[in-house]
Amino acid sequence: MNASQLAGIKRDAFINAGLNPANAAAAYGNPEDPALQSYDWVDALYRDARLSVYDLSMSGGDEKTSFYISGAYTKQEGQIIQSQYERGTGRLNITHRPNQKLTVSANLSLAVQKNQWYNC
């Protein structure tokens, strides 16, 4: 819908509501005015969003001890301008076997995320 079409709809709405259509013209412009400027609101609100994902992991050990460590970072821009999502994760697994009867394990994980909407 361009500006002339919007002004025409608003004028009709004022008439249907029993209000003075001149008030609609003052607020939204005259629909017959060729100089009435249109604005592309879809282009103003949306964008091609980017997605970035980074992952890193390492593992190793020997006969008695093994480990695994990993981390990830994700950043996604929203399709709506001024919005984005970020997330970071980390994980650590350690296993130690001092003898045939005993195994000690530790598993840790952490996730932090942020959703952000900016005020325009």
PDB file of N, CA and C in Angstrom:
ATOM      1  N   MET A   1       0.847  -1.161   0.000  1.00  0.00           N
ATOM      2  CA  MET A   1       0.000   0.000   0.000  1.00  0.00           C
ATOM      3  C   MET A   1       0.899   1.233   0.000  1.00  0.00           C
ATOM      4  N   ASN A   2       0.620   2.144  -0.888  1.00  0.00           N
ATOM      5  CA  ASN A   2       1.401   3.384  -0.912  1.00  0.00           C
ATOM      6  C   ASN A   2       0.685   4.455  -0.082  1.00  0.00           C
ATOM      7  N   ALA A   3       1.289   5.643  -0.009  1.00  0.00           N
ATOM      8  CA  ALA A   3       0.753   6.703   0.848  1.00  0.00           C
ATOM      9  C   ALA A   3      -0.616   7.186   0.381  1.00  0.00           C
ATOM     10  N   SER A   4      -0.849   7.251  -0.931  1.00  0.00           N
ATOM     11  CA  SER A   4      -2.157   7.687  -1.436  1.00  0.00           C
ATOM     12  C   SER A   4      -3.253   6.698  -1.072  1.00  0.00           C
ATOM     13  N   GLN A   5      -2.950   5.419  -1.183  1.00  0.00           N
ATOM     14  CA  GLN A   5      -3.942   4.396  -0.822  1.00  0.00           C
ATOM     15  C   GLN A   5      -4.252   4.442   0.677  1.00  0.00           C
ATOM     16  N   LEU A   6      -3.209   4.621   1.506  1.00  0.00           N
ATOM     17  CA  LEU A   6      -3.431   4.715   2.952  1.00  0.00           C
ATOM     18  C   LEU A   6      -4.272   5.943   3.287  1.00  0.00           C
ATOM     19  N   ALA A   7      -3.956   7.073   2.686  1.00  0.00           N
ATOM     20  CA  ALA A   7      -4.723   8.292   2.950  1.00  0.00           C
ATOM     21  C   ALA A   7      -6.182   8.118   2.528  1.00  0.00           C
ATOM     22  N   GLY A   8      -6.427   7.422   1.405  1.00  0.00           N
ATOM     23  CA  GLY A   8      -7.796   7.168   0.958  1.00  0.00           C
ATOM     24  C   GLY A   8      -8.557   6.270   1.923  1.00  0.00           C
ATOM     25  N   ILE A   9      -7.898   5.242   2.420  1.00  0.00           N
ATOM     26  CA  ILE A   9      -8.541   4.334   3.380  1.00  0.00           C
ATOM     27  C   ILE A   9      -8.848   5.074   4.680  1.00  0.00           C
ATOM     28  N   LYS A  10      -7.910   5.890   5.149  1.00  0.00           N
ATOM     29  CA  LYS A  10      -8.143   6.644   6.380  1.00  0.00           C
ATOM     30  C   LYS A  10      -9.269   7.660   6.196  1.00  0.00           C
ATOM     31  N   ARG A  11      -9.323   8.304   5.020  1.00  0.00           N
ATOM     32  CA  ARG A  11     -10.413   9.243   4.741  1.00  0.00           C
ATOM     33  C   ARG A  11     -11.755   8.512   4.772  1.00  0.00           C
ATOM     34  N   ASP A  12     -11.836   7.340   4.130  1.00  0.00           N
ATOM     35  CA  ASP A  12     -13.079   6.554   4.146  1.00  0.00           C
ATOM     36  C   ASP A  12     -13.444   6.123   5.556  1.00  0.00           C
ATOM     37  N   ALA A  13     -12.447   5.778   6.372  1.00  0.00           N
ATOM     38  CA  ALA A  13     -12.710   5.374   7.756  1.00  0.00           C
ATOM     39  C   ALA A  13     -13.281   6.544   8.552  1.00  0.00           C
ATOM     40  N   PHE A  14     -12.756   7.740   8.333  1.00  0.00           N
ATOM     41  CA  PHE A  14     -13.286   8.917   9.023  1.00  0.00           C
ATOM     42  C   PHE A  14     -14.722   9.174   8.596  1.00  0.00           C
ATOM     43  N   ILE A  15     -14.997   9.054   7.304  1.00  0.00           N
ATOM     44  CA  ILE A  15     -16.364   9.274   6.798  1.00  0.00           C
ATOM     45  C   ILE A  15     -17.305   8.234   7.387  1.00  0.00           C
ATOM     46  N   ASN A  16     -16.912   6.955   7.392  1.00  0.00           N
ATOM     47  CA  ASN A  16     -17.756   5.882   7.929  1.00  0.00           C
ATOM     48  C   ASN A  16     -17.995   6.038   9.433  1.00  0.00           C
ATOM     49  N   ALA A  17     -17.042   6.647  10.130  1.00  0.00           N
ATOM     50  CA  ALA A  17     -17.200   6.854  11.573  1.00  0.00           C
ATOM     51  C   ALA A  17     -17.971   8.131  11.886  1.00  0.00           C
ATOM     52  N   GLY A  18     -18.382   8.870  10.856  1.00  0.00           N
ATOM     53  CA  GLY A  18     -19.126  10.102  11.063  1.00  0.00           C
ATOM     54  C   GLY A  18     -18.242  11.275  11.457  1.00  0.00           C
ATOM     55  N   LEU A  19     -16.957  11.179  11.184  1.00  0.00           N
ATOM     56  CA  LEU A  19     -16.023  12.239  11.529  1.00  0.00           C
ATOM     57  C   LEU A  19     -15.730  13.099  10.300  1.00  0.00           C
ATOM     58  N   ASN A  20     -15.147  14.238  10.527  1.00  0.00           N
ATOM     59  CA  ASN A  20     -14.810  15.168   9.452  1.00  0.00           C
ATOM     60  C   ASN A  20     -13.626  14.601   8.649  1.00  0.00           C
ATOM     61  N   PRO A  21     -13.774  14.329   7.328  1.00  0.00           N
ATOM     62  CA  PRO A  21     -12.672  13.789   6.532  1.00  0.00           C
ATOM     63  C   PRO A  21     -11.497  14.755   6.395  1.00  0.00           C
ATOM     64  N   ALA A  22     -11.713  16.041   6.678  1.00  0.00           N
ATOM     65  CA  ALA A  22     -10.605  17.000   6.628  1.00  0.00           C
ATOM     66  C   ALA A  22      -9.574  16.680   7.712  1.00  0.00           C
ATOM     67  N   ASN A  23     -10.026  16.117   8.829  1.00  0.00           N
ATOM     68  CA  ASN A  23      -9.092  15.720   9.888  1.00  0.00           C
ATOM     69  C   ASN A  23      -8.197  14.572   9.418  1.00  0.00           C
ATOM     70  N   ALA A  24      -8.757  13.665   8.623  1.00  0.00           N
ATOM     71  CA  ALA A  24      -7.950  12.568   8.073  1.00  0.00           C
ATOM     72  C   ALA A  24      -6.928  13.118   7.091  1.00  0.00           C
ATOM     73  N   ALA A  25      -7.329  14.104   6.295  1.00  0.00           N
ATOM     74  CA  ALA A  25      -6.399  14.707   5.336  1.00  0.00           C
ATOM     75  C   ALA A  25      -5.283  15.444   6.060  1.00  0.00           C
ATOM     76  N   ALA A  26      -5.608  16.058   7.191  1.00  0.00           N
ATOM     77  CA  ALA A  26      -4.577  16.764   7.949  1.00  0.00           C
ATOM     78  C   ALA A  26      -3.569  15.783   8.549  1.00  0.00           C
ATOM     79  N   ALA A  27      -4.046  14.614   8.965  1.00  0.00           N
ATOM     80  CA  ALA A  27      -3.158  13.637   9.597  1.00  0.00           C
ATOM     81  C   ALA A  27      -2.423  12.767   8.582  1.00  0.00           C
ATOM     82  N   TYR A  28      -3.110  12.350   7.525  1.00  0.00           N
ATOM     83  CA  TYR A  28      -2.540  11.376   6.590  1.00  0.00           C
ATOM     84  C   TYR A  28      -2.286  11.923   5.190  1.00  0.00           C
ATOM     85  N   GLY A  29      -2.726  13.128   4.928  1.00  0.00           N
ATOM     86  CA  GLY A  29      -2.528  13.716   3.608  1.00  0.00           C
ATOM     87  C   GLY A  29      -3.732  13.521   2.713  1.00  0.00           C
ATOM     88  N   ASN A  30      -3.744  14.246   1.614  1.00  0.00           N
ATOM     89  CA  ASN A  30      -4.818  14.168   0.637  1.00  0.00           C
ATOM     90  C   ASN A  30      -4.498  13.043  -0.344  1.00  0.00           C
ATOM     91  N   PRO A  31      -5.400  12.061  -0.506  1.00  0.00           N
ATOM     92  CA  PRO A  31      -5.098  10.939  -1.412  1.00  0.00           C
ATOM     93  C   PRO A  31      -4.951  11.345  -2.878  1.00  0.00           C
ATOM     94  N   GLU A  32      -5.485  12.508  -3.278  1.00  0.00           N
ATOM     95  CA  GLU A  32      -5.352  12.961  -4.660  1.00  0.00           C
ATOM     96  C   GLU A  32      -4.081  13.778  -4.882  1.00  0.00           C
ATOM     97  N   ASP A  33      -3.315  14.025  -3.855  1.00  0.00           N
ATOM     98  CA  ASP A  33      -2.090  14.824  -3.963  1.00  0.00           C
ATOM     99  C   ASP A  33      -0.976  13.965  -4.582  1.00  0.00           C
ATOM    100  N   PRO A  34      -0.507  14.299  -5.797  1.00  0.00           N
ATOM    101  CA  PRO A  34       0.549  13.494  -6.429  1.00  0.00           C
ATOM    102  C   PRO A  34       1.905  13.630  -5.732  1.00  0.00           C
ATOM    103  N   ALA A  35       2.062  14.664  -4.915  1.00  0.00           N
ATOM    104  CA  ALA A  35       3.333  14.876  -4.217  1.00  0.00           C
ATOM    105  C   ALA A  35       3.377  14.161  -2.863  1.00  0.00           C
ATOM    106  N   LEU A  36       2.319  13.422  -2.519  1.00  0.00           N
ATOM    107  CA  LEU A  36       2.282  12.706  -1.240  1.00  0.00           C
ATOM    108  C   LEU A  36       3.368  11.635  -1.252  1.00  0.00           C
ATOM    109  N   GLN A  37       4.259  11.697  -0.273  1.00  0.00           N
ATOM    110  CA  GLN A  37       5.422  10.803  -0.273  1.00  0.00           C
ATOM    111  C   GLN A  37       5.096   9.452   0.348  1.00  0.00           C
ATOM    112  N   SER A  38       5.537   8.406  -0.327  1.00  0.00           N
ATOM    113  CA  SER A  38       5.398   7.046   0.192  1.00  0.00           C
ATOM    114  C   SER A  38       6.692   6.633   0.884  1.00  0.00           C
ATOM    115  N   TYR A  39       6.585   5.670   1.762  1.00  0.00           N
ATOM    116  CA  TYR A  39       7.754   5.163   2.486  1.00  0.00           C
ATOM    117  C   TYR A  39       7.695   3.646   2.491  1.00  0.00           C
ATOM    118  N   ASP A  40       8.795   3.001   2.193  1.00  0.00           N
ATOM    119  CA  ASP A  40       8.859   1.541   2.159  1.00  0.00           C
ATOM    120  C   ASP A  40       9.140   1.006   3.569  1.00  0.00           C
ATOM    121  N   TRP A  41       8.083   0.703   4.323  1.00  0.00           N
ATOM    122  CA  TRP A  41       8.234   0.258   5.705  1.00  0.00           C
ATOM    123  C   TRP A  41       8.848  -1.133   5.798  1.00  0.00           C
ATOM    124  N   VAL A  42       8.593  -1.985   4.839  1.00  0.00           N
ATOM    125  CA  VAL A  42       9.193  -3.325   4.868  1.00  0.00           C
ATOM    126  C   VAL A  42      10.706  -3.220   4.787  1.00  0.00           C
ATOM    127  N   ASP A  43      11.191  -2.366   3.908  1.00  0.00           N
ATOM    128  CA  ASP A  43      12.629  -2.165   3.787  1.00  0.00           C
ATOM    129  C   ASP A  43      13.214  -1.516   5.044  1.00  0.00           C
ATOM    130  N   ALA A  44      12.427  -0.675   5.709  1.00  0.00           N
ATOM    131  CA  ALA A  44      12.901   0.000   6.915  1.00  0.00           C
ATOM    132  C   ALA A  44      12.956  -0.929   8.123  1.00  0.00           C
ATOM    133  N   LEU A  45      12.152  -1.994   8.123  1.00  0.00           N
ATOM    134  CA  LEU A  45      12.076  -2.879   9.292  1.00  0.00           C
ATOM    135  C   LEU A  45      12.863  -4.171   9.154  1.00  0.00           C
ATOM    136  N   TYR A  46      13.020  -4.683   7.947  1.00  0.00           N
ATOM    137  CA  TYR A  46      13.630  -6.000   7.757  1.00  0.00           C
ATOM    138  C   TYR A  46      14.981  -5.904   7.049  1.00  0.00           C
ATOM    139  N   ARG A  47      15.786  -6.942   7.240  1.00  0.00           N
ATOM    140  CA  ARG A  47      17.109  -7.006   6.621  1.00  0.00           C
ATOM    141  C   ARG A  47      17.455  -8.464   6.334  1.00  0.00           C
ATOM    142  N   ASP A  48      18.513  -8.651   5.559  1.00  0.00           N
ATOM    143  CA  ASP A  48      19.088  -9.979   5.397  1.00  0.00           C
ATOM    144  C   ASP A  48      19.968 -10.215   6.617  1.00  0.00           C
ATOM    145  N   ALA A  49      19.603 -11.187   7.426  1.00  0.00           N
ATOM    146  CA  ALA A  49      20.296 -11.419   8.694  1.00  0.00           C
ATOM    147  C   ALA A  49      21.477 -12.362   8.499  1.00  0.00           C
ATOM    148  N   ARG A  50      22.510 -12.158   9.315  1.00  0.00           N
ATOM    149  CA  ARG A  50      23.703 -12.994   9.272  1.00  0.00           C
ATOM    150  C   ARG A  50      23.685 -13.977  10.431  1.00  0.00           C
ATOM    151  N   LEU A  51      24.280 -15.126  10.190  1.00  0.00           N
ATOM    152  CA  LEU A  51      24.417 -16.159  11.214  1.00  0.00           C
ATOM    153  C   LEU A  51      25.878 -16.570  11.270  1.00  0.00           C
ATOM    154  N   SER A  52      26.469 -16.512  12.477  1.00  0.00           N
ATOM    155  CA  SER A  52      27.855 -16.928  12.677  1.00  0.00           C
ATOM    156  C   SER A  52      27.881 -18.003  13.744  1.00  0.00           C
ATOM    157  N   VAL A  53      28.549 -19.124  13.461  1.00  0.00           N
ATOM    158  CA  VAL A  53      28.669 -20.229  14.409  1.00  0.00           C
ATOM    159  C   VAL A  53      30.132 -20.643  14.460  1.00  0.00           C
ATOM    160  N   TYR A  54      30.682 -20.696  15.669  1.00  0.00           N
ATOM    161  CA  TYR A  54      32.069 -21.105  15.883  1.00  0.00           C
ATOM    162  C   TYR A  54      32.089 -22.242  16.897  1.00  0.00           C
ATOM    163  N   ASP A  55      32.751 -23.339  16.549  1.00  0.00           N
ATOM    164  CA  ASP A  55      32.875 -24.499  17.427  1.00  0.00           C
ATOM    165  C   ASP A  55      34.343 -24.880  17.544  1.00  0.00           C
ATOM    166  N   LEU A  56      34.741 -25.317  18.745  1.00  0.00           N
ATOM    167  CA  LEU A  56      36.095 -25.779  18.981  1.00  0.00           C
ATOM    168  C   LEU A  56      36.035 -26.887  20.010  1.00  0.00           C
ATOM    169  N   SER A  57      36.759 -27.980  19.769  1.00  0.00           N
ATOM    170  CA  SER A  57      36.801 -29.064  20.748  1.00  0.00           C
ATOM    171  C   SER A  57      38.173 -29.730  20.717  1.00  0.00           C
ATOM    172  N   MET A  58      38.549 -30.282  21.863  1.00  0.00           N
ATOM    173  CA  MET A  58      39.803 -31.011  21.992  1.00  0.00           C
ATOM    174  C   MET A  58      39.557 -32.210  22.909  1.00  0.00           C
ATOM    175  N   SER A  59      40.255 -33.287  22.635  1.00  0.00           N
ATOM    176  CA  SER A  59      40.178 -34.452  23.519  1.00  0.00           C
ATOM    177  C   SER A  59      41.542 -35.125  23.535  1.00  0.00           C
ATOM    178  N   GLY A  60      41.769 -35.892  24.566  1.00  0.00           N
ATOM    179  CA  GLY A  60      43.050 -36.586  24.683  1.00  0.00           C
ATOM    180  C   GLY A  60      43.120 -37.342  25.990  1.00  0.00           C
ATOM    181  N   GLY A  61      44.310 -37.769  26.318  1.00  0.00           N
ATOM    182  CA  GLY A  61      44.513 -38.487  27.568  1.00  0.00           C
ATOM    183  C   GLY A  61      45.517 -39.612  27.402  1.00  0.00           C
ATOM    184  N   ASP A  62      45.577 -40.436  28.448  1.00  0.00           N
ATOM    185  CA  ASP A  62      46.458 -41.608  28.434  1.00  0.00           C
ATOM    186  C   ASP A  62      45.668 -42.801  28.951  1.00  0.00           C
ATOM    187  N   GLU A  63      46.364 -43.842  29.425  1.00  0.00           N
ATOM    188  CA  GLU A  63      45.693 -45.065  29.864  1.00  0.00           C
ATOM    189  C   GLU A  63      44.787 -44.828  31.073  1.00  0.00           C
ATOM    190  N   LYS A  64      45.139 -43.875  31.936  1.00  0.00           N
ATOM    191  CA  LYS A  64      44.383 -43.666  33.164  1.00  0.00           C
ATOM    192  C   LYS A  64      43.449 -42.453  33.125  1.00  0.00           C
ATOM    193  N   THR A  65      43.788 -41.462  32.359  1.00  0.00           N
ATOM    194  CA  THR A  65      43.016 -40.219  32.372  1.00  0.00           C
ATOM    195  C   THR A  65      42.667 -39.815  30.943  1.00  0.00           C
ATOM    196  N   SER A  66      41.425 -39.393  30.776  1.00  0.00           N
ATOM    197  CA  SER A  66      41.003 -38.859  29.475  1.00  0.00           C
ATOM    198  C   SER A  66      40.208 -37.581  29.712  1.00  0.00           C
ATOM    199  N   PHE A  67      40.230 -36.710  28.722  1.00  0.00           N
ATOM    200  CA  PHE A  67      39.498 -35.446  28.845  1.00  0.00           C
ATOM    201  C   PHE A  67      38.875 -35.081  27.510  1.00  0.00           C
ATOM    202  N   TYR A  68      37.852 -34.268  27.606  1.00  0.00           N
ATOM    203  CA  TYR A  68      37.191 -33.689  26.437  1.00  0.00           C
ATOM    204  C   TYR A  68      36.776 -32.279  26.836  1.00  0.00           C
ATOM    205  N   ILE A  69      37.143 -31.310  26.029  1.00  0.00           N
ATOM    206  CA  ILE A  69      36.764 -29.926  26.282  1.00  0.00           C
ATOM    207  C   ILE A  69      36.246 -29.329  24.975  1.00  0.00           C
ATOM    208  N   SER A  70      35.160 -28.567  25.076  1.00  0.00           N
ATOM    209  CA  SER A  70      34.601 -27.962  23.865  1.00  0.00           C
ATOM    210  C   SER A  70      33.969 -26.620  24.202  1.00  0.00           C
ATOM    211  N   GLY A  71      33.852 -25.808  23.192  1.00  0.00           N
ATOM    212  CA  GLY A  71      33.196 -24.509  23.318  1.00  0.00           C
ATOM    213  C   GLY A  71      32.538 -24.142  22.008  1.00  0.00           C
ATOM    214  N   ALA A  72      31.492 -23.360  22.092  1.00  0.00           N
ATOM    215  CA  ALA A  72      30.778 -22.922  20.890  1.00  0.00           C
ATOM    216  C   ALA A  72      30.236 -21.522  21.125  1.00  0.00           C
ATOM    217  N   TYR A  73      30.187 -20.764  20.047  1.00  0.00           N
ATOM    218  CA  TYR A  73      29.625 -19.419  20.089  1.00  0.00           C
ATOM    219  C   TYR A  73      28.744 -19.241  18.861  1.00  0.00           C
ATOM    220  N   THR A  74      27.530 -18.752  19.075  1.00  0.00           N
ATOM    221  CA  THR A  74      26.584 -18.500  17.999  1.00  0.00           C
ATOM    222  C   THR A  74      26.094 -17.068  18.100  1.00  0.00           C
ATOM    223  N   LYS A  75      26.098 -16.365  16.973  1.00  0.00           N
ATOM    224  CA  LYS A  75      25.530 -15.021  16.910  1.00  0.00           C
ATOM    225  C   LYS A  75      24.631 -14.961  15.686  1.00  0.00           C
ATOM    226  N   GLN A  76      23.380 -14.626  15.923  1.00  0.00           N
ATOM    227  CA  GLN A  76      22.415 -14.548  14.836  1.00  0.00           C
ATOM    228  C   GLN A  76      21.733 -13.196  14.877  1.00  0.00           C
ATOM    229  N   GLU A  77      21.875 -12.454  13.810  1.00  0.00           N
ATOM    230  CA  GLU A  77      21.135 -11.200  13.678  1.00  0.00           C
ATOM    231  C   GLU A  77      19.693 -11.556  13.336  1.00  0.00           C
ATOM    232  N   GLY A  78      18.767 -10.834  13.900  1.00  0.00           N
ATOM    233  CA  GLY A  78      17.366 -11.058  13.571  1.00  0.00           C
ATOM    234  C   GLY A  78      17.018 -10.461  12.225  1.00  0.00           C
ATOM    235  N   GLN A  79      15.997 -10.994  11.606  1.00  0.00           N
ATOM    236  CA  GLN A  79      15.553 -10.421  10.332  1.00  0.00           C
ATOM    237  C   GLN A  79      14.918  -9.053  10.540  1.00  0.00           C
ATOM    238  N   ILE A  80      14.404  -8.820  11.739  1.00  0.00           N
ATOM    239  CA  ILE A  80      13.906  -7.495  12.079  1.00  0.00           C
ATOM    240  C   ILE A  80      15.094  -6.681  12.565  1.00  0.00           C
ATOM    241  N   ILE A  81      15.287  -5.520  12.001  1.00  0.00           N
ATOM    242  CA  ILE A  81      16.420  -4.674  12.362  1.00  0.00           C
ATOM    243  C   ILE A  81      16.365  -4.373  13.854  1.00  0.00           C
ATOM    244  N   GLN A  82      17.516  -4.303  14.478  1.00  0.00           N
ATOM    245  CA  GLN A  82      17.688  -4.029  15.899  1.00  0.00           C
ATOM    246  C   GLN A  82      17.349  -5.222  16.788  1.00  0.00           C
ATOM    247  N   SER A  83      17.441  -6.444  16.272  1.00  0.00           N
ATOM    248  CA  SER A  83      17.264  -7.625  17.104  1.00  0.00           C
ATOM    249  C   SER A  83      18.393  -8.606  16.805  1.00  0.00           C
ATOM    250  N   GLN A  84      18.808  -9.338  17.842  1.00  0.00           N
ATOM    251  CA  GLN A  84      19.840 -10.349  17.652  1.00  0.00           C
ATOM    252  C   GLN A  84      19.796 -11.361  18.783  1.00  0.00           C
ATOM    253  N   TYR A  85      20.459 -12.496  18.559  1.00  0.00           N
ATOM    254  CA  TYR A  85      20.525 -13.590  19.523  1.00  0.00           C
ATOM    255  C   TYR A  85      21.975 -14.027  19.621  1.00  0.00           C
ATOM    256  N   GLU A  86      22.470 -14.196  20.840  1.00  0.00           N
ATOM    257  CA  GLU A  86      23.827 -14.681  21.050  1.00  0.00           C
ATOM    258  C   GLU A  86      23.791 -15.814  22.067  1.00  0.00           C
ATOM    259  N   ARG A  87      24.674 -16.793  21.851  1.00  0.00           N
ATOM    260  CA  ARG A  87      24.762 -17.911  22.781  1.00  0.00           C
ATOM    261  C   ARG A  87      26.189 -18.424  22.809  1.00  0.00           C
ATOM    262  N   GLY A  88      26.669 -18.683  24.005  1.00  0.00           N
ATOM    263  CA  GLY A  88      27.981 -19.282  24.199  1.00  0.00           C
ATOM    264  C   GLY A  88      27.830 -20.520  25.074  1.00  0.00           C
ATOM    265  N   THR A  89      28.512 -21.589  24.724  1.00  0.00           N
ATOM    266  CA  THR A  89      28.450 -22.816  25.510  1.00  0.00           C
ATOM    267  C   THR A  89      29.857 -23.359  25.730  1.00  0.00           C
ATOM    268  N   GLY A  90      30.005 -24.073  26.813  1.00  0.00           N
ATOM    269  CA  GLY A  90      31.276 -24.730  27.115  1.00  0.00           C
ATOM    270  C   GLY A  90      31.019 -26.055  27.807  1.00  0.00           C
ATOM    271  N   ARG A  91      31.927 -26.987  27.607  1.00  0.00           N
ATOM    272  CA  ARG A  91      31.766 -28.310  28.209  1.00  0.00           C
ATOM    273  C   ARG A  91      33.131 -28.884  28.538  1.00  0.00           C
ATOM    274  N   LEU A  92      33.215 -29.559  29.682  1.00  0.00           N
ATOM    275  CA  LEU A  92      34.443 -30.206  30.113  1.00  0.00           C
ATOM    276  C   LEU A  92      34.085 -31.555  30.716  1.00  0.00           C
ATOM    277  N   ASN A  93      34.687 -32.615  30.199  1.00  0.00           N
ATOM    278  CA  ASN A  93      34.526 -33.970  30.726  1.00  0.00           C
ATOM    279  C   ASN A  93      35.915 -34.509  31.079  1.00  0.00           C
ATOM    280  N   ILE A  94      36.052 -35.012  32.284  1.00  0.00           N
ATOM    281  CA  ILE A  94      37.314 -35.628  32.715  1.00  0.00           C
ATOM    282  C   ILE A  94      36.989 -36.982  33.344  1.00  0.00           C
ATOM    283  N   THR A  95      37.728 -37.987  32.943  1.00  0.00           N
ATOM    284  CA  THR A  95      37.584 -39.324  33.523  1.00  0.00           C
ATOM    285  C   THR A  95      38.967 -39.811  33.934  1.00  0.00           C
ATOM    286  N   HIS A  96      39.060 -40.277  35.175  1.00  0.00           N
ATOM    287  CA  HIS A  96      40.328 -40.808  35.693  1.00  0.00           C
ATOM    288  C   HIS A  96      40.052 -42.167  36.319  1.00  0.00           C
ATOM    289  N   ARG A  97      40.893 -43.110  35.979  1.00  0.00           N
ATOM    290  CA  ARG A  97      40.747 -44.469  36.502  1.00  0.00           C
ATOM    291  C   ARG A  97      42.050 -44.847  37.218  1.00  0.00           C
ATOM    292  N   PRO A  98      42.117 -44.606  38.557  1.00  0.00           N
ATOM    293  CA  PRO A  98      43.360 -44.888  39.285  1.00  0.00           C
ATOM    294  C   PRO A  98      43.671 -46.385  39.388  1.00  0.00           C
ATOM    295  N   ASN A  99      42.622 -47.229  39.403  1.00  0.00           N
ATOM    296  CA  ASN A  99      42.829 -48.682  39.409  1.00  0.00           C
ATOM    297  C   ASN A  99      41.656 -49.355  38.710  1.00  0.00           C
ATOM    298  N   GLN A 100      41.647 -50.657  38.661  1.00  0.00           N
ATOM    299  CA  GLN A 100      40.609 -51.395  37.931  1.00  0.00           C
ATOM    300  C   GLN A 100      39.241 -51.292  38.602  1.00  0.00           C
ATOM    301  N   LYS A 101      39.183 -50.987  39.894  1.00  0.00           N
ATOM    302  CA  LYS A 101      37.909 -50.971  40.622  1.00  0.00           C
ATOM    303  C   LYS A 101      37.310 -49.582  40.799  1.00  0.00           C
ATOM    304  N   LEU A 102      38.052 -48.550  40.508  1.00  0.00           N
ATOM    305  CA  LEU A 102      37.571 -47.202  40.769  1.00  0.00           C
ATOM    306  C   LEU A 102      37.720 -46.318  39.520  1.00  0.00           C
ATOM    307  N   THR A 103      36.641 -45.632  39.191  1.00  0.00           N
ATOM    308  CA  THR A 103      36.650 -44.647  38.099  1.00  0.00           C
ATOM    309  C   THR A 103      36.029 -43.359  38.629  1.00  0.00           C
ATOM    310  N   VAL A 104      36.697 -42.251  38.416  1.00  0.00           N
ATOM    311  CA  VAL A 104      36.212 -40.938  38.845  1.00  0.00           C
ATOM    312  C   VAL A 104      35.968 -40.108  37.587  1.00  0.00           C
ATOM    313  N   SER A 105      34.767 -39.520  37.504  1.00  0.00           N
ATOM    314  CA  SER A 105      34.404 -38.706  36.337  1.00  0.00           C
ATOM    315  C   SER A 105      33.842 -37.369  36.790  1.00  0.00           C
ATOM    316  N   ALA A 106      34.103 -36.362  36.007  1.00  0.00           N
ATOM    317  CA  ALA A 106      33.505 -35.039  36.220  1.00  0.00           C
ATOM    318  C   ALA A 106      33.042 -34.514  34.872  1.00  0.00           C
ATOM    319  N   ASN A 107      31.798 -34.058  34.824  1.00  0.00           N
ATOM    320  CA  ASN A 107      31.214 -33.501  33.603  1.00  0.00           C
ATOM    321  C   ASN A 107      30.637 -32.136  33.945  1.00  0.00           C
ATOM    322  N   LEU A 108      31.130 -31.119  33.301  1.00  0.00           N
ATOM    323  CA  LEU A 108      30.671 -29.748  33.532  1.00  0.00           C
ATOM    324  C   LEU A 108      30.206 -29.149  32.211  1.00  0.00           C
ATOM    325  N   SER A 109      29.128 -28.388  32.275  1.00  0.00           N
ATOM    326  CA  SER A 109      28.682 -27.674  31.073  1.00  0.00           C
ATOM    327  C   SER A 109      28.092 -26.334  31.490  1.00  0.00           C
ATOM    328  N   LEU A 110      28.206 -25.379  30.593  1.00  0.00           N
ATOM    329  CA  LEU A 110      27.732 -24.027  30.851  1.00  0.00           C
ATOM    330  C   LEU A 110      27.171 -23.465  29.555  1.00  0.00           C
ATOM    331  N   ALA A 111      26.036 -22.809  29.656  1.00  0.00           N
ATOM    332  CA  ALA A 111      25.437 -22.148  28.490  1.00  0.00           C
ATOM    333  C   ALA A 111      24.961 -20.762  28.916  1.00  0.00           C
ATOM    334  N   VAL A 112      25.288 -19.772  28.122  1.00  0.00           N
ATOM    335  CA  VAL A 112      24.864 -18.395  28.371  1.00  0.00           C
ATOM    336  C   VAL A 112      24.264 -17.880  27.069  1.00  0.00           C
ATOM    337  N   GLN A 113      23.065 -17.316  27.167  1.00  0.00           N
ATOM    338  CA  GLN A 113      22.455 -16.774  25.957  1.00  0.00           C
ATOM    339  C   GLN A 113      21.858 -15.409  26.246  1.00  0.00           C
ATOM    340  N   LYS A 114      21.726 -14.629  25.158  1.00  0.00           N
ATOM    341  CA  LYS A 114      21.201 -13.274  25.273  1.00  0.00           C
ATOM    342  C   LYS A 114      20.338 -13.002  24.050  1.00  0.00           C
ATOM    343  N   ASN A 115      19.080 -12.687  24.301  1.00  0.00           N
ATOM    344  CA  ASN A 115      18.177 -12.202  23.254  1.00  0.00           C
ATOM    345  C   ASN A 115      18.107 -10.698  23.409  1.00  0.00           C
ATOM    346  N   GLN A 116      18.234  -9.981  22.340  1.00  0.00           N
ATOM    347  CA  GLN A 116      18.300  -8.543  22.456  1.00  0.00           C
ATOM    348  C   GLN A 116      17.373  -7.885  21.450  1.00  0.00           C
ATOM    349  N   TRP A 117      16.536  -6.991  21.953  1.00  0.00           N
ATOM    350  CA  TRP A 117      15.701  -6.132  21.125  1.00  0.00           C
ATOM    351  C   TRP A 117      16.050  -4.706  21.502  1.00  0.00           C
ATOM    352  N   TYR A 118      16.495  -3.947  20.559  1.00  0.00           N
ATOM    353  CA  TYR A 118      16.881  -2.566  20.795  1.00  0.00           C
ATOM    354  C   TYR A 118      15.681  -1.663  20.593  1.00  0.00           C
ATOM    355  N   ASN A 119      15.658  -0.589  21.333  1.00  0.00           N
ATOM    356  CA  ASN A 119      14.643   0.435  21.108  1.00  0.00           C
ATOM    357  C   ASN A 119      15.066   1.289  19.922  1.00  0.00           C
ATOM    358  N   CYS A 120      14.163   1.483  19.021  1.00  0.00           N
ATOM    359  CA  CYS A 120      14.473   2.283  17.826  1.00  0.00           C
ATOM    360  C   CYS A 120      14.251   3.738  18.110  1.00  0.00           C
TER     361      CYS A 120
END
